[in-house]
Amino acid sequence: MTSNTLTASKVSDLLEIMRRLRDPERGCPWDLEQTFATIVPHTIEEAYEVADCIERGDLVELTGELGDLLFQVVFYAQIASEQGVFGFDDIVDAIANKLIERHPHVFADASVSDAAEQTRRWEAAKAAERAARDESAKILDGIPRGLPALTRARKLQQRAAAVGFDWPDSADVRAKVSEEFAEVETAIAGGEQAEVEEEIGDLLFACVNWARHFGVDPESALRAASRKFERRFGYVEQSLTDSGSSVAGATLETMDGLWEDAKAIERGEPPSGKKKRVR
């Protein structure tokens, strides 16, 4: 049995399992209750669990999480098939055709100089498809509102940049970040909470733009920063526990000292060794 035949057989097995789970007479009650809308939160959760495995470098667990994510697609396909709308084969055909059409430098005679040019062509193809579906479509149409805020901000900026609405270089964006920071301080001084919230939003949006100019995905960067904070604070907490104290009973000075120790250890340096004061 060839590899392709084996893969097709495994996919068929998965589709059959899903069909049986949704069998009206002998299926699973929970699976039978689900709709497109009720599955969405699970799909989002599974996608984040895949991302978490990759960021932690856990390729063993990644296998299972990718399976969970694939199952979401199979679930949608089964519901759609029951409604006579589309099936799993239609999903596969749609993505296969899209990939072939958007990679003429691979599947036809076109050529691209680098990844950046391919990205521009990809966005141009998507814009043409949107226009073909709806002649009144606007440049920023179709970016899901349910995306994480940082990701959606980046996508909005990328879409605008594709038609030339962008800062010419990163220095201009840095100046914009400084300008927005000053406006936040002014809003804070004014004491109007709504204005403070608006200005902080503008500052975050400008920071996303700055990150984009350096090829940094802000969502990934913030997740990494959060993991770093979690790791270092965990060291602080564990160190206090080992010394018979706790974060509730320690001074800020003590916790700051342990925080610096955590940073030193990450750099491969020994901790300061200074005696920490525990209240």
Protein backbone atom coordinates (compact mmCIF):
# COMPACT_ATOMS: atom_id res chain seq x y z
CA MET A 1 0.00 0.00 0.00
CA THR A 2 1.46 3.36 -1.04
CA SER A 3 1.76 6.34 1.28
CA ASN A 4 -0.97 8.24 -0.58
CA THR A 5 -3.32 5.25 -0.40
CA LEU A 6 -2.64 4.87 3.32
CA THR A 7 -3.31 8.58 3.91
CA ALA A 8 -6.58 8.40 1.98
CA SER A 9 -7.60 5.36 4.01
CA LYS A 10 -6.88 7.14 7.30
CA VAL A 11 -8.90 10.18 6.21
CA SER A 12 -11.77 7.90 5.23
CA ASP A 13 -11.62 6.29 8.67
CA LEU A 14 -11.83 9.73 10.33
CA LEU A 15 -14.77 10.77 8.16
CA GLU A 16 -16.57 7.53 9.03
CA ILE A 17 -15.97 8.07 12.75
CA MET A 18 -17.48 11.54 12.43
CA ARG A 19 -20.46 10.17 10.51
CA ARG A 20 -21.14 7.65 13.25
CA LEU A 21 -20.82 10.29 15.97
CA ARG A 22 -23.59 12.22 14.20
CA ASP A 23 -25.76 9.20 13.45
CA PRO A 24 -29.32 10.22 14.42
CA GLU A 25 -30.09 6.89 16.06
CA ARG A 26 -26.82 5.66 17.59
CA GLY A 27 -24.63 8.75 17.62
CA CYS A 28 -23.26 10.74 20.53
CA PRO A 29 -25.85 13.09 22.09
CA TRP A 30 -23.32 15.91 22.45
CA ASP A 31 -22.11 15.67 18.85
CA LEU A 32 -25.69 15.55 17.60
CA GLU A 33 -26.50 18.81 19.38
CA GLN A 34 -23.71 20.77 17.75
CA THR A 35 -24.11 23.34 14.98
CA PHE A 36 -21.67 25.45 12.97
CA ALA A 37 -21.99 28.21 15.55
CA THR A 38 -21.51 26.04 18.64
CA ILE A 39 -18.31 24.48 17.28
CA VAL A 40 -16.59 27.81 16.62
CA PRO A 41 -15.29 28.34 20.19
CA HIS A 42 -13.79 24.85 20.16
CA THR A 43 -12.09 25.52 16.82
CA ILE A 44 -10.54 28.72 18.14
CA GLU A 45 -9.38 26.93 21.29
CA GLU A 46 -7.82 24.10 19.29
CA ALA A 47 -5.97 26.57 17.05
CA TYR A 48 -4.48 28.26 20.10
CA GLU A 49 -3.46 24.90 21.55
CA VAL A 50 -1.61 24.14 18.32
CA ALA A 51 0.16 27.49 18.56
CA ASP A 52 1.03 26.82 22.21
CA CYS A 53 2.65 23.48 21.37
CA ILE A 54 4.74 25.05 18.63
CA GLU A 55 5.85 27.94 20.83
CA ARG A 56 6.82 25.51 23.60
CA GLY A 57 8.61 23.26 21.11
CA ASP A 58 6.51 20.27 22.16
CA LEU A 59 6.35 18.39 18.86
CA VAL A 60 5.11 15.21 20.53
CA GLU A 61 1.99 16.90 21.89
CA LEU A 62 1.64 18.83 18.62
CA THR A 63 0.63 15.62 16.85
CA GLY A 64 -2.45 15.26 19.01
CA GLU A 65 -3.35 18.95 18.88
CA LEU A 66 -3.14 18.99 15.07
CA GLY A 67 -5.45 15.98 15.09
CA ASP A 68 -7.91 17.89 17.26
CA LEU A 69 -7.77 20.81 14.84
CA LEU A 70 -8.28 18.52 11.83
CA PHE A 71 -11.28 17.02 13.58
CA GLN A 72 -12.87 20.47 13.68
CA VAL A 73 -12.74 20.62 9.87
CA VAL A 74 -14.23 17.15 9.63
CA PHE A 75 -16.99 18.18 12.04
CA TYR A 76 -17.95 21.20 9.90
CA ALA A 77 -17.86 19.05 6.77
CA GLN A 78 -20.21 16.47 8.30
CA ILE A 79 -22.75 19.09 9.35
CA ALA A 80 -22.59 20.71 5.91
CA SER A 81 -22.97 17.33 4.22
CA GLU A 82 -26.10 16.59 6.27
CA GLN A 83 -27.52 19.92 5.09
CA GLY A 84 -26.59 19.19 1.48
CA VAL A 85 -24.36 22.28 1.26
CA PHE A 86 -20.88 20.81 0.75
CA GLY A 87 -18.71 17.92 1.89
CA PHE A 88 -15.14 17.20 2.90
CA ASP A 89 -14.06 16.66 -0.72
CA ASP A 90 -15.34 20.14 -1.59
CA ILE A 91 -13.20 21.62 1.19
CA VAL A 92 -10.12 19.81 -0.11
CA ASP A 93 -10.85 20.85 -3.71
CA ALA A 94 -11.30 24.48 -2.68
CA ILE A 95 -7.96 24.77 -0.90
CA ALA A 96 -6.10 22.73 -3.53
CA ASN A 97 -7.41 24.94 -6.34
CA LYS A 98 -6.62 28.10 -4.39
CA LEU A 99 -3.05 27.03 -3.71
CA ILE A 100 -2.44 26.15 -7.36
CA GLU A 101 -3.97 29.42 -8.61
CA ARG A 102 -2.00 31.55 -6.15
CA HIS A 103 1.34 29.86 -6.82
CA PRO A 104 1.80 30.20 -10.60
CA HIS A 105 5.57 30.36 -9.98
CA VAL A 106 5.34 26.76 -8.75
CA PHE A 107 2.55 25.25 -10.84
CA ALA A 108 2.88 27.38 -14.01
CA ASP A 109 5.48 29.48 -15.82
CA ALA A 110 5.44 32.63 -13.68
CA SER A 111 8.36 33.65 -11.48
CA VAL A 112 8.85 35.64 -8.29
CA SER A 113 12.06 37.20 -7.00
CA ASP A 114 11.50 36.58 -3.29
CA ALA A 115 8.98 35.90 -0.53
CA ALA A 116 8.06 39.58 -0.27
CA GLU A 117 7.00 39.69 -3.90
CA GLN A 118 4.98 36.51 -3.46
CA THR A 119 3.22 38.06 -0.47
CA ARG A 120 2.30 41.12 -2.56
CA ARG A 121 0.97 38.91 -5.34
CA TRP A 122 -0.99 36.83 -2.84
CA GLU A 123 -2.66 39.94 -1.40
CA ALA A 124 -3.37 41.23 -4.92
CA ALA A 125 -5.02 37.92 -5.81
CA LYS A 126 -7.16 38.06 -2.68
CA ALA A 127 -8.19 41.63 -3.52
CA ALA A 128 -9.18 40.58 -7.03
CA GLU A 129 -11.24 37.71 -5.64
CA ARG A 130 -13.04 40.05 -3.24
CA ALA A 131 -13.79 42.46 -6.07
CA ALA A 132 -15.08 39.63 -8.24
CA ARG A 133 -17.47 38.56 -5.49
CA ASP A 134 -18.62 42.10 -4.76
CA GLU A 135 -17.82 45.09 -6.95
CA SER A 136 -18.58 47.41 -4.03
CA ALA A 137 -16.06 45.66 -1.75
CA LYS A 138 -13.71 48.01 0.08
CA ILE A 139 -10.01 47.51 0.73
CA LEU A 140 -10.49 46.62 4.39
CA ASP A 141 -13.54 44.40 3.92
CA GLY A 142 -13.41 40.77 4.97
CA ILE A 143 -11.00 40.99 7.90
CA PRO A 144 -12.84 39.07 10.64
CA ARG A 145 -13.85 41.17 13.64
CA GLY A 146 -13.44 38.13 15.88
CA LEU A 147 -9.66 37.97 15.38
CA PRO A 148 -7.43 38.79 18.35
CA ALA A 149 -7.11 42.58 18.46
CA LEU A 150 -3.39 42.70 17.74
CA THR A 151 -3.73 40.32 14.80
CA ARG A 152 -6.64 42.26 13.32
CA ALA A 153 -4.74 45.54 13.68
CA ARG A 154 -1.79 44.04 11.81
CA LYS A 155 -4.01 42.72 9.04
CA LEU A 156 -5.77 46.07 8.64
CA GLN A 157 -2.40 47.80 8.37
CA GLN A 158 -1.06 45.24 5.91
CA ARG A 159 -4.14 45.59 3.71
CA ALA A 160 -3.78 49.40 3.66
CA ALA A 161 -0.02 49.15 3.07
CA ALA A 162 -0.65 46.96 0.01
CA VAL A 163 -2.20 49.98 -1.75
CA GLY A 164 0.50 52.39 -0.60
CA PHE A 165 -1.06 53.76 2.59
CA ASP A 166 1.87 53.22 4.90
CA TRP A 167 4.72 55.03 6.62
CA PRO A 168 7.81 55.10 4.37
CA ASP A 169 10.16 53.81 7.07
CA SER A 170 10.27 52.65 10.68
CA ALA A 171 11.60 55.99 11.96
CA ASP A 172 8.30 57.62 11.04
CA VAL A 173 6.40 54.93 12.91
CA ARG A 174 8.61 55.39 15.96
CA ALA A 175 7.78 59.10 15.91
CA LYS A 176 4.09 58.19 15.75
CA VAL A 177 4.47 55.90 18.77
CA SER A 178 6.10 58.75 20.71
CA GLU A 179 3.29 61.09 19.65
CA GLU A 180 0.62 58.63 20.78
CA PHE A 181 2.42 58.09 24.10
CA ALA A 182 2.36 61.83 24.75
CA GLU A 183 -1.36 61.91 23.96
CA VAL A 184 -1.95 59.14 26.50
CA GLU A 185 -0.20 61.21 29.16
CA THR A 186 -2.30 64.24 28.23
CA ALA A 187 -5.47 62.17 28.49
CA ILE A 188 -4.43 60.82 31.88
CA ALA A 189 -3.82 64.35 33.09
CA GLY A 190 -7.31 65.28 31.87
CA GLY A 191 -8.87 62.57 34.00
CA GLU A 192 -11.44 61.37 31.42
CA GLN A 193 -11.44 57.57 31.45
CA ALA A 194 -13.01 57.23 28.00
CA GLU A 195 -10.34 59.45 26.49
CA VAL A 196 -7.57 57.54 28.27
CA GLU A 197 -8.92 54.27 26.85
CA GLU A 198 -9.11 55.73 23.34
CA GLU A 199 -5.57 57.10 23.44
CA ILE A 200 -4.14 53.86 24.81
CA GLY A 201 -5.87 52.08 21.95
CA ASP A 202 -4.19 54.46 19.49
CA LEU A 203 -0.83 53.81 21.17
CA LEU A 204 -1.27 50.05 20.89
CA PHE A 205 -2.27 50.39 17.25
CA ALA A 206 0.87 52.44 16.56
CA CYS A 207 3.01 49.83 18.36
CA VAL A 208 1.52 47.11 16.15
CA ASN A 209 2.50 49.20 13.13
CA TRP A 210 6.03 49.62 14.46
CA ALA A 211 6.37 45.89 15.01
CA ARG A 212 5.06 45.22 11.50
CA HIS A 213 7.78 47.42 9.99
CA PHE A 214 10.38 45.13 11.56
CA GLY A 215 8.67 41.94 10.43
CA VAL A 216 7.52 41.16 13.98
CA ASP A 217 4.12 39.58 14.53
CA PRO A 218 2.74 41.50 17.54
CA GLU A 219 0.50 38.66 18.67
CA SER A 220 3.41 36.22 18.82
CA ALA A 221 5.67 38.81 20.44
CA LEU A 222 3.15 39.55 23.19
CA ARG A 223 2.53 35.86 23.83
CA ALA A 224 6.28 35.37 24.19
CA ALA A 225 6.49 38.32 26.60
CA SER A 226 3.62 36.89 28.63
CA ARG A 227 5.33 33.50 28.84
CA LYS A 228 8.52 35.22 29.97
CA PHE A 229 6.64 37.11 32.67
CA GLU A 230 4.94 33.90 33.79
CA ARG A 231 8.27 32.05 33.94
CA ARG A 232 10.06 34.78 35.92
CA PHE A 233 7.20 35.35 38.33
CA GLY A 234 7.04 31.61 38.85
CA TYR A 235 10.68 31.74 39.92
CA VAL A 236 9.91 34.56 42.36
CA GLU A 237 6.99 32.65 43.85
CA GLN A 238 8.87 29.37 44.13
CA SER A 239 11.91 31.05 45.68
CA LEU A 240 9.74 32.67 48.33
CA THR A 241 8.00 29.37 49.02
CA ASP A 242 11.37 27.63 49.39
CA SER A 243 12.43 30.25 51.93
CA GLY A 244 9.27 29.74 53.97
CA SER A 245 7.51 32.89 52.78
CA SER A 246 5.05 33.79 50.06
CA VAL A 247 4.33 36.58 47.58
CA ALA A 248 1.68 37.87 49.96
CA GLY A 249 4.25 38.22 52.74
CA ALA A 250 7.17 39.64 50.74
CA THR A 251 8.14 43.24 50.09
CA LEU A 252 8.30 44.61 46.57
CA GLU A 253 12.05 45.05 47.07
CA THR A 254 12.40 41.34 47.82
CA MET A 255 10.37 40.32 44.80
CA ASP A 256 12.30 42.72 42.55
CA GLY A 257 15.55 41.14 43.72
CA LEU A 258 14.30 37.65 42.93
CA TRP A 259 13.02 38.89 39.57
CA GLU A 260 16.53 40.08 38.72
CA ASP A 261 17.85 36.68 39.80
CA ALA A 262 15.42 35.01 37.39
CA LYS A 263 16.70 37.22 34.56
CA ALA A 264 20.31 36.41 35.46
CA ILE A 265 19.62 32.67 35.43
CA GLU A 266 18.02 32.98 31.97
CA ARG A 267 21.21 34.68 30.76
CA GLY A 268 23.23 31.78 32.12
CA GLU A 269 24.61 33.87 34.98
CA PRO A 270 24.49 33.05 38.69
CA PRO A 271 21.91 34.91 40.79
CA SER A 272 23.12 37.90 42.78
CA GLY A 273 23.40 35.90 45.98
CA LYS A 274 22.27 38.88 48.01
CA LYS A 275 20.23 38.03 51.07
CA LYS A 276 16.60 38.81 50.34
CA ARG A 277 14.57 40.52 52.99
CA VAL A 278 11.37 38.65 53.79
CA ARG A 279 8.68 40.47 55.69
